[in-house]
Amino acid sequence: RFLASGHMTVLEAAQAAVQLSDNGATNLLLREIGGPAAMTQYFRKIGDSVSRLDRKEPEMSDNTPGDLRDTTTPIAMARTVAKVLYGGALTSTST
């Protein structure tokens, strides 16, 4: 359906990324927000000093032992998700 129209809305891309694990849609969303570095900057802005996104798919799936690119920890991700859902990390302009 998206190939036929040649575009996706942000909502459609988010749904495809979450519901279908669509890496192409994830890359479109990353581009929309300014790339992996912008995502890492957002993590820092909301107090997450651990999580980082350095590459887009499929490169981020290349995991070399000891490579810290594109990583987080369970506790950092749990805290970040809690801030997004309950702690005011989103504003009316970001939703």
N, C-alpha and C. Protein backbone atom coordinates (compact mmCIF):
# COMPACT_ATOMS: atom_id res chain seq x y z
N ARG A 1 0.83 -1.19 0.00
CA ARG A 1 0.00 0.00 0.00
C ARG A 1 0.86 1.25 0.00
N PHE A 2 1.94 1.27 0.81
CA PHE A 2 2.78 2.46 0.87
C PHE A 2 3.65 2.60 -0.37
N LEU A 3 4.08 1.48 -0.92
CA LEU A 3 4.87 1.53 -2.14
C LEU A 3 4.07 2.12 -3.28
N ALA A 4 2.80 1.80 -3.36
CA ALA A 4 1.95 2.31 -4.43
C ALA A 4 1.79 3.82 -4.35
N SER A 5 1.66 4.34 -3.12
CA SER A 5 1.47 5.78 -2.97
C SER A 5 2.78 6.54 -2.93
N GLY A 6 3.86 5.86 -2.56
CA GLY A 6 5.17 6.52 -2.53
C GLY A 6 5.44 7.33 -1.29
N HIS A 7 4.57 7.25 -0.29
CA HIS A 7 4.82 8.00 0.95
C HIS A 7 4.10 7.35 2.13
N MET A 8 4.53 7.75 3.32
CA MET A 8 3.88 7.34 4.56
C MET A 8 3.75 8.57 5.43
N THR A 9 2.67 8.64 6.19
CA THR A 9 2.57 9.69 7.19
C THR A 9 3.43 9.29 8.39
N VAL A 10 3.68 10.22 9.27
CA VAL A 10 4.44 9.90 10.48
C VAL A 10 3.69 8.85 11.29
N LEU A 11 2.38 8.98 11.39
CA LEU A 11 1.58 7.99 12.13
C LEU A 11 1.71 6.61 11.48
N GLU A 12 1.61 6.54 10.17
CA GLU A 12 1.73 5.25 9.49
C GLU A 12 3.12 4.65 9.69
N ALA A 13 4.15 5.50 9.64
CA ALA A 13 5.51 5.01 9.85
C ALA A 13 5.68 4.49 11.28
N ALA A 14 5.14 5.22 12.25
CA ALA A 14 5.23 4.78 13.65
C ALA A 14 4.50 3.46 13.84
N GLN A 15 3.32 3.32 13.26
CA GLN A 15 2.58 2.07 13.37
C GLN A 15 3.35 0.92 12.73
N ALA A 16 3.92 1.15 11.55
CA ALA A 16 4.68 0.10 10.87
C ALA A 16 5.92 -0.28 11.68
N ALA A 17 6.58 0.72 12.25
CA ALA A 17 7.79 0.45 13.04
C ALA A 17 7.47 -0.40 14.26
N VAL A 18 6.39 -0.07 14.95
CA VAL A 18 6.04 -0.78 16.19
C VAL A 18 5.33 -2.10 15.92
N GLN A 19 4.32 -2.06 15.07
CA GLN A 19 3.49 -3.25 14.87
C GLN A 19 4.13 -4.29 13.95
N LEU A 20 4.92 -3.84 12.99
CA LEU A 20 5.48 -4.76 11.99
C LEU A 20 7.00 -4.89 12.08
N SER A 21 7.61 -4.21 13.03
CA SER A 21 9.08 -4.17 13.12
C SER A 21 9.69 -3.75 11.79
N ASP A 22 9.08 -2.76 11.16
CA ASP A 22 9.50 -2.28 9.85
C ASP A 22 10.69 -1.34 10.00
N ASN A 23 11.88 -1.85 9.70
CA ASN A 23 13.10 -1.05 9.86
C ASN A 23 13.16 0.13 8.91
N GLY A 24 12.60 -0.02 7.72
CA GLY A 24 12.55 1.11 6.79
C GLY A 24 11.72 2.25 7.35
N ALA A 25 10.60 1.91 7.98
CA ALA A 25 9.76 2.93 8.60
C ALA A 25 10.49 3.58 9.77
N THR A 26 11.23 2.78 10.52
CA THR A 26 12.04 3.34 11.62
C THR A 26 13.05 4.33 11.08
N ASN A 27 13.70 4.00 9.98
CA ASN A 27 14.67 4.91 9.38
C ASN A 27 14.00 6.20 8.91
N LEU A 28 12.79 6.11 8.37
CA LEU A 28 12.05 7.31 7.97
C LEU A 28 11.78 8.20 9.18
N LEU A 29 11.37 7.60 10.28
CA LEU A 29 11.12 8.37 11.50
C LEU A 29 12.40 9.01 12.02
N LEU A 30 13.49 8.26 11.99
CA LEU A 30 14.77 8.83 12.43
C LEU A 30 15.15 10.04 11.58
N ARG A 31 14.96 9.91 10.27
CA ARG A 31 15.27 11.03 9.38
C ARG A 31 14.40 12.24 9.72
N GLU A 32 13.15 11.99 10.03
CA GLU A 32 12.21 13.07 10.35
C GLU A 32 12.63 13.86 11.59
N ILE A 33 13.24 13.19 12.56
CA ILE A 33 13.63 13.88 13.80
C ILE A 33 15.07 14.39 13.77
N GLY A 34 15.80 14.10 12.70
CA GLY A 34 17.17 14.61 12.60
C GLY A 34 18.25 13.55 12.67
N GLY A 35 17.86 12.28 12.64
CA GLY A 35 18.83 11.20 12.61
C GLY A 35 19.14 10.63 13.98
N PRO A 36 20.00 9.61 13.99
CA PRO A 36 20.36 8.96 15.25
C PRO A 36 20.93 9.91 16.30
N ALA A 37 21.74 10.87 15.87
CA ALA A 37 22.33 11.81 16.84
C ALA A 37 21.25 12.62 17.54
N ALA A 38 20.20 12.98 16.83
CA ALA A 38 19.10 13.73 17.44
C ALA A 38 18.38 12.88 18.48
N MET A 39 18.26 11.59 18.23
CA MET A 39 17.64 10.70 19.22
C MET A 39 18.48 10.64 20.48
N THR A 40 19.80 10.52 20.30
CA THR A 40 20.70 10.51 21.46
C THR A 40 20.61 11.83 22.22
N GLN A 41 20.53 12.95 21.50
CA GLN A 41 20.38 14.25 22.16
C GLN A 41 19.09 14.30 22.97
N TYR A 42 18.02 13.71 22.45
CA TYR A 42 16.77 13.68 23.19
C TYR A 42 16.92 12.85 24.46
N PHE A 43 17.59 11.71 24.35
CA PHE A 43 17.85 10.92 25.56
C PHE A 43 18.54 11.78 26.61
N ARG A 44 19.57 12.51 26.21
CA ARG A 44 20.31 13.35 27.16
C ARG A 44 19.40 14.43 27.75
N LYS A 45 18.58 15.03 26.90
CA LYS A 45 17.69 16.11 27.33
C LYS A 45 16.74 15.66 28.44
N ILE A 46 16.30 14.40 28.37
CA ILE A 46 15.36 13.92 29.40
C ILE A 46 16.07 13.18 30.53
N GLY A 47 17.40 13.28 30.56
CA GLY A 47 18.15 12.75 31.70
C GLY A 47 18.71 11.35 31.54
N ASP A 48 18.63 10.79 30.35
CA ASP A 48 19.19 9.45 30.10
C ASP A 48 20.61 9.63 29.58
N SER A 49 21.58 9.35 30.43
CA SER A 49 22.99 9.51 30.05
C SER A 49 23.60 8.21 29.54
N VAL A 50 22.79 7.17 29.39
CA VAL A 50 23.30 5.85 29.00
C VAL A 50 22.92 5.50 27.56
N SER A 51 21.65 5.62 27.23
CA SER A 51 21.15 5.18 25.92
C SER A 51 21.76 6.02 24.81
N ARG A 52 22.05 5.35 23.70
CA ARG A 52 22.61 6.07 22.56
C ARG A 52 22.21 5.38 21.27
N LEU A 53 21.99 6.18 20.26
CA LEU A 53 21.70 5.68 18.93
C LEU A 53 22.69 6.34 17.99
N ASP A 54 23.47 5.53 17.31
CA ASP A 54 24.53 6.04 16.47
C ASP A 54 24.32 5.77 14.99
N ARG A 55 23.56 4.74 14.67
CA ARG A 55 23.39 4.35 13.28
C ARG A 55 21.92 4.02 13.03
N LYS A 56 21.57 3.96 11.76
CA LYS A 56 20.22 3.51 11.41
C LYS A 56 20.29 2.06 10.96
N GLU A 57 19.14 1.48 10.69
CA GLU A 57 19.08 0.10 10.21
C GLU A 57 19.55 0.04 8.76
N PRO A 58 20.19 -1.01 8.33
CA PRO A 58 20.49 -2.23 9.05
C PRO A 58 21.81 -2.19 9.81
N GLU A 59 22.57 -1.09 9.70
CA GLU A 59 23.89 -1.02 10.32
C GLU A 59 23.84 -1.20 11.83
N MET A 60 22.78 -0.70 12.47
CA MET A 60 22.74 -0.79 13.94
C MET A 60 22.60 -2.23 14.43
N SER A 61 22.25 -3.13 13.55
CA SER A 61 22.12 -4.54 13.94
C SER A 61 23.44 -5.28 13.93
N ASP A 62 24.49 -4.63 13.47
CA ASP A 62 25.82 -5.25 13.45
C ASP A 62 26.44 -5.07 14.83
N ASN A 63 26.40 -6.11 15.62
CA ASN A 63 26.85 -6.05 17.01
C ASN A 63 28.22 -6.69 17.15
N THR A 64 29.21 -5.87 17.40
CA THR A 64 30.56 -6.36 17.66
C THR A 64 30.77 -6.33 19.17
N PRO A 65 31.27 -7.40 19.76
CA PRO A 65 31.49 -7.41 21.21
C PRO A 65 32.29 -6.18 21.67
N GLY A 66 31.80 -5.52 22.69
CA GLY A 66 32.48 -4.35 23.24
C GLY A 66 32.11 -3.04 22.57
N ASP A 67 31.39 -3.08 21.46
CA ASP A 67 30.99 -1.87 20.75
C ASP A 67 29.80 -1.25 21.48
N LEU A 68 29.94 -0.02 21.93
CA LEU A 68 28.89 0.64 22.69
C LEU A 68 27.89 1.38 21.82
N ARG A 69 28.12 1.42 20.51
CA ARG A 69 27.17 2.12 19.64
C ARG A 69 25.81 1.45 19.71
N ASP A 70 24.78 2.27 19.65
CA ASP A 70 23.40 1.79 19.58
C ASP A 70 23.04 0.90 20.77
N THR A 71 23.40 1.34 21.97
CA THR A 71 23.16 0.52 23.16
C THR A 71 22.40 1.30 24.24
N THR A 72 21.91 0.54 25.18
CA THR A 72 21.29 1.06 26.39
C THR A 72 21.41 -0.04 27.44
N THR A 73 20.82 0.18 28.58
CA THR A 73 20.72 -0.87 29.59
C THR A 73 19.24 -1.03 29.93
N PRO A 74 18.87 -2.15 30.52
CA PRO A 74 17.46 -2.31 30.89
C PRO A 74 16.95 -1.20 31.81
N ILE A 75 17.74 -0.82 32.80
CA ILE A 75 17.28 0.21 33.74
C ILE A 75 17.18 1.58 33.06
N ALA A 76 18.13 1.90 32.19
CA ALA A 76 18.07 3.18 31.48
C ALA A 76 16.83 3.23 30.59
N MET A 77 16.54 2.15 29.89
CA MET A 77 15.37 2.14 29.02
C MET A 77 14.09 2.20 29.83
N ALA A 78 14.03 1.49 30.94
CA ALA A 78 12.84 1.54 31.80
C ALA A 78 12.60 2.95 32.32
N ARG A 79 13.65 3.62 32.73
CA ARG A 79 13.51 4.99 33.23
C ARG A 79 13.08 5.94 32.12
N THR A 80 13.64 5.76 30.93
CA THR A 80 13.28 6.62 29.81
C THR A 80 11.82 6.41 29.42
N VAL A 81 11.39 5.17 29.35
CA VAL A 81 9.99 4.88 29.01
C VAL A 81 9.07 5.48 30.08
N ALA A 82 9.43 5.36 31.34
CA ALA A 82 8.62 5.94 32.41
C ALA A 82 8.54 7.46 32.26
N LYS A 83 9.64 8.11 31.92
CA LYS A 83 9.62 9.57 31.73
C LYS A 83 8.73 9.95 30.56
N VAL A 84 8.80 9.19 29.49
CA VAL A 84 7.97 9.48 28.32
C VAL A 84 6.49 9.27 28.65
N LEU A 85 6.18 8.19 29.32
CA LEU A 85 4.77 7.89 29.60
C LEU A 85 4.19 8.70 30.74
N TYR A 86 4.97 8.94 31.80
CA TYR A 86 4.41 9.53 33.01
C TYR A 86 5.12 10.78 33.52
N GLY A 87 6.31 11.06 33.00
CA GLY A 87 7.12 12.10 33.60
C GLY A 87 7.22 13.42 32.86
N GLY A 88 6.37 13.64 31.88
CA GLY A 88 6.38 14.93 31.20
C GLY A 88 7.44 15.10 30.15
N ALA A 89 8.03 14.00 29.67
CA ALA A 89 9.06 14.11 28.63
C ALA A 89 8.47 14.52 27.29
N LEU A 90 7.17 14.32 27.12
CA LEU A 90 6.49 14.74 25.89
C LEU A 90 5.72 16.02 26.17
N THR A 91 5.67 16.88 25.19
CA THR A 91 4.90 18.11 25.29
C THR A 91 3.74 18.04 24.30
N SER A 92 2.85 19.01 24.36
CA SER A 92 1.72 19.01 23.43
C SER A 92 2.20 19.15 21.99
N THR A 93 3.34 19.78 21.77
CA THR A 93 3.86 19.91 20.40
C THR A 93 4.58 18.66 19.92
N SER A 94 4.94 17.78 20.84
CA SER A 94 5.66 16.57 20.43
C SER A 94 4.75 15.36 20.29
N THR A 95 3.48 15.51 20.62
CA THR A 95 2.56 14.37 20.52
C THR A 95 1.59 14.53 19.38
